[in-house]
Amino acid sequence: MRKIILDFCPIRTREEVHEYLAMKLDLPDYYGRNLDALYDCLTELHEDTCVGFFQSEEPHGITEYLNSVKHVMRDAEEENPHFAVIFGSLEENFE
């Protein structure tokens, strides 16, 4: 199983989010760097992969966008039995 830790604390823009995801998740070159493309790539994973998702508790410009990324990851987790995500906040893991 691949285990990947995503630390979004230093990330400040949507572009940085997608560059970081592409690098850490080893997404294919055709990854479109948007939420729909992220969902597609996560649901196409064939290797068991567990992702830890951590972000700063201090609000900054992309907090809402990271919430959208979380929703995409939750949806992908429901669709793909090879993908699991764990969030830094205990409560978020039971939404």
C-alpha atoms as a PDB file:
ATOM      1  CA  MET A   1       0.000   0.000   0.000  1.00  0.00           C
ATOM      2  CA  ARG A   2       1.223   3.475  -0.839  1.00  0.00           C
ATOM      3  CA  LYS A   3       0.998   5.920   2.062  1.00  0.00           C
ATOM      4  CA  ILE A   4       1.122   9.589   1.151  1.00  0.00           C
ATOM      5  CA  ILE A   5       1.087  12.564   3.510  1.00  0.00           C
ATOM      6  CA  LEU A   6      -0.254  15.805   2.052  1.00  0.00           C
ATOM      7  CA  ASP A   7       0.719  18.904   4.037  1.00  0.00           C
ATOM      8  CA  PHE A   8      -1.102  21.892   2.582  1.00  0.00           C
ATOM      9  CA  CYS A   9       0.131  24.328   5.261  1.00  0.00           C
ATOM     10  CA  PRO A  10       2.597  26.162   2.976  1.00  0.00           C
ATOM     11  CA  ILE A  11       0.314  26.114  -0.098  1.00  0.00           C
ATOM     12  CA  ARG A  12      -1.282  29.467  -0.988  1.00  0.00           C
ATOM     13  CA  THR A  13      -2.845  29.205  -4.475  1.00  0.00           C
ATOM     14  CA  ARG A  14      -5.039  26.799  -6.441  1.00  0.00           C
ATOM     15  CA  GLU A  15      -2.216  26.334  -8.917  1.00  0.00           C
ATOM     16  CA  GLU A  16       0.131  25.317  -6.097  1.00  0.00           C
ATOM     17  CA  VAL A  17      -2.497  22.874  -4.822  1.00  0.00           C
ATOM     18  CA  HIS A  18      -2.631  21.058  -8.148  1.00  0.00           C
ATOM     19  CA  GLU A  19       1.133  21.128  -8.719  1.00  0.00           C
ATOM     20  CA  TYR A  20       1.603  19.662  -5.241  1.00  0.00           C
ATOM     21  CA  LEU A  21      -1.057  16.990  -5.790  1.00  0.00           C
ATOM     22  CA  ALA A  22       0.430  16.037  -9.154  1.00  0.00           C
ATOM     23  CA  MET A  23       3.865  15.626  -7.591  1.00  0.00           C
ATOM     24  CA  LYS A  24       2.881  13.856  -4.360  1.00  0.00           C
ATOM     25  CA  LEU A  25       0.292  11.523  -5.902  1.00  0.00           C
ATOM     26  CA  ASP A  26       2.432  10.914  -9.008  1.00  0.00           C
ATOM     27  CA  LEU A  27      -0.497  11.852 -11.242  1.00  0.00           C
ATOM     28  CA  PRO A  28      -0.140  11.301 -15.000  1.00  0.00           C
ATOM     29  CA  ASP A  29       1.074  14.024 -17.358  1.00  0.00           C
ATOM     30  CA  TYR A  30      -2.437  14.427 -18.756  1.00  0.00           C
ATOM     31  CA  TYR A  31      -3.776  15.457 -15.301  1.00  0.00           C
ATOM     32  CA  GLY A  32      -5.809  18.593 -16.049  1.00  0.00           C
ATOM     33  CA  ARG A  33      -5.042  20.345 -12.757  1.00  0.00           C
ATOM     34  CA  ASN A  34      -8.659  20.908 -11.751  1.00  0.00           C
ATOM     35  CA  LEU A  35     -11.123  19.174  -9.431  1.00  0.00           C
ATOM     36  CA  ASP A  36     -12.799  17.081 -12.138  1.00  0.00           C
ATOM     37  CA  ALA A  37      -9.443  15.811 -13.346  1.00  0.00           C
ATOM     38  CA  LEU A  38      -8.405  15.056  -9.754  1.00  0.00           C
ATOM     39  CA  TYR A  39     -11.533  12.950  -9.245  1.00  0.00           C
ATOM     40  CA  ASP A  40     -10.895  11.081 -12.488  1.00  0.00           C
ATOM     41  CA  CYS A  41      -7.290  10.308 -11.546  1.00  0.00           C
ATOM     42  CA  LEU A  42      -8.168   9.203  -8.009  1.00  0.00           C
ATOM     43  CA  THR A  43     -10.932   6.886  -9.169  1.00  0.00           C
ATOM     44  CA  GLU A  44      -8.549   5.331 -11.720  1.00  0.00           C
ATOM     45  CA  LEU A  45      -5.939   4.313  -9.100  1.00  0.00           C
ATOM     46  CA  HIS A  46      -5.326   0.573  -9.143  1.00  0.00           C
ATOM     47  CA  GLU A  47      -2.750   0.423  -6.350  1.00  0.00           C
ATOM     48  CA  ASP A  48      -3.968   0.586  -2.747  1.00  0.00           C
ATOM     49  CA  THR A  49      -3.281   4.158  -1.678  1.00  0.00           C
ATOM     50  CA  CYS A  50      -3.892   5.885   1.650  1.00  0.00           C
ATOM     51  CA  VAL A  51      -3.601   9.674   1.791  1.00  0.00           C
ATOM     52  CA  GLY A  52      -3.262  11.758   4.947  1.00  0.00           C
ATOM     53  CA  PHE A  53      -4.647  15.275   4.364  1.00  0.00           C
ATOM     54  CA  PHE A  54      -3.323  18.058   6.616  1.00  0.00           C
ATOM     55  CA  GLN A  55      -3.803  21.802   6.401  1.00  0.00           C
ATOM     56  CA  SER A  56      -3.202  24.822   8.569  1.00  0.00           C
ATOM     57  CA  GLU A  57      -5.970  25.720  10.984  1.00  0.00           C
ATOM     58  CA  GLU A  58      -5.251  29.375  10.289  1.00  0.00           C
ATOM     59  CA  PRO A  59      -7.541  30.656   7.561  1.00  0.00           C
ATOM     60  CA  HIS A  60      -5.875  31.747   4.368  1.00  0.00           C
ATOM     61  CA  GLY A  61      -6.937  32.378   0.796  1.00  0.00           C
ATOM     62  CA  ILE A  62      -7.464  28.781  -0.293  1.00  0.00           C
ATOM     63  CA  THR A  63      -9.276  27.307   2.703  1.00  0.00           C
ATOM     64  CA  GLU A  64     -12.551  27.045   0.774  1.00  0.00           C
ATOM     65  CA  TYR A  65     -10.777  25.494  -2.203  1.00  0.00           C
ATOM     66  CA  LEU A  66      -9.108  22.906   0.031  1.00  0.00           C
ATOM     67  CA  ASN A  67     -12.564  22.042   1.359  1.00  0.00           C
ATOM     68  CA  SER A  68     -13.563  21.326  -2.241  1.00  0.00           C
ATOM     69  CA  VAL A  69     -10.484  19.133  -2.650  1.00  0.00           C
ATOM     70  CA  LYS A  70     -11.567  17.231   0.479  1.00  0.00           C
ATOM     71  CA  HIS A  71     -15.015  16.631  -1.003  1.00  0.00           C
ATOM     72  CA  VAL A  72     -13.463  15.321  -4.207  1.00  0.00           C
ATOM     73  CA  MET A  73     -11.277  12.968  -2.188  1.00  0.00           C
ATOM     74  CA  ARG A  74     -14.252  11.733  -0.153  1.00  0.00           C
ATOM     75  CA  ASP A  75     -16.225  11.100  -3.346  1.00  0.00           C
ATOM     76  CA  ALA A  76     -13.277   9.275  -4.917  1.00  0.00           C
ATOM     77  CA  GLU A  77     -12.885   7.178  -1.776  1.00  0.00           C
ATOM     78  CA  GLU A  78     -16.511   6.043  -2.079  1.00  0.00           C
ATOM     79  CA  GLU A  79     -16.014   5.152  -5.742  1.00  0.00           C
ATOM     80  CA  ASN A  80     -12.588   3.489  -5.623  1.00  0.00           C
ATOM     81  CA  PRO A  81     -11.890   0.629  -3.173  1.00  0.00           C
ATOM     82  CA  HIS A  82      -8.132   1.174  -3.711  1.00  0.00           C
ATOM     83  CA  PHE A  83      -8.206   4.740  -2.366  1.00  0.00           C
ATOM     84  CA  ALA A  84      -8.539   5.916   1.236  1.00  0.00           C
ATOM     85  CA  VAL A  85      -8.137   9.356   2.786  1.00  0.00           C
ATOM     86  CA  ILE A  86      -7.582  10.355   6.410  1.00  0.00           C
ATOM     87  CA  PHE A  87      -7.988  13.963   7.491  1.00  0.00           C
ATOM     88  CA  GLY A  88      -5.964  15.735  10.180  1.00  0.00           C
ATOM     89  CA  SER A  89      -9.075  16.728  12.108  1.00  0.00           C
ATOM     90  CA  LEU A  90     -10.773  13.753  13.751  1.00  0.00           C
ATOM     91  CA  GLU A  91     -14.288  15.085  13.084  1.00  0.00           C
ATOM     92  CA  GLU A  92     -13.652  15.378   9.339  1.00  0.00           C
ATOM     93  CA  ASN A  93     -13.133  11.653   9.075  1.00  0.00           C
ATOM     94  CA  PHE A  94     -16.753  10.958   9.973  1.00  0.00           C
ATOM     95  CA  GLU A  95     -18.590  13.408   7.706  1.00  0.00           C
END
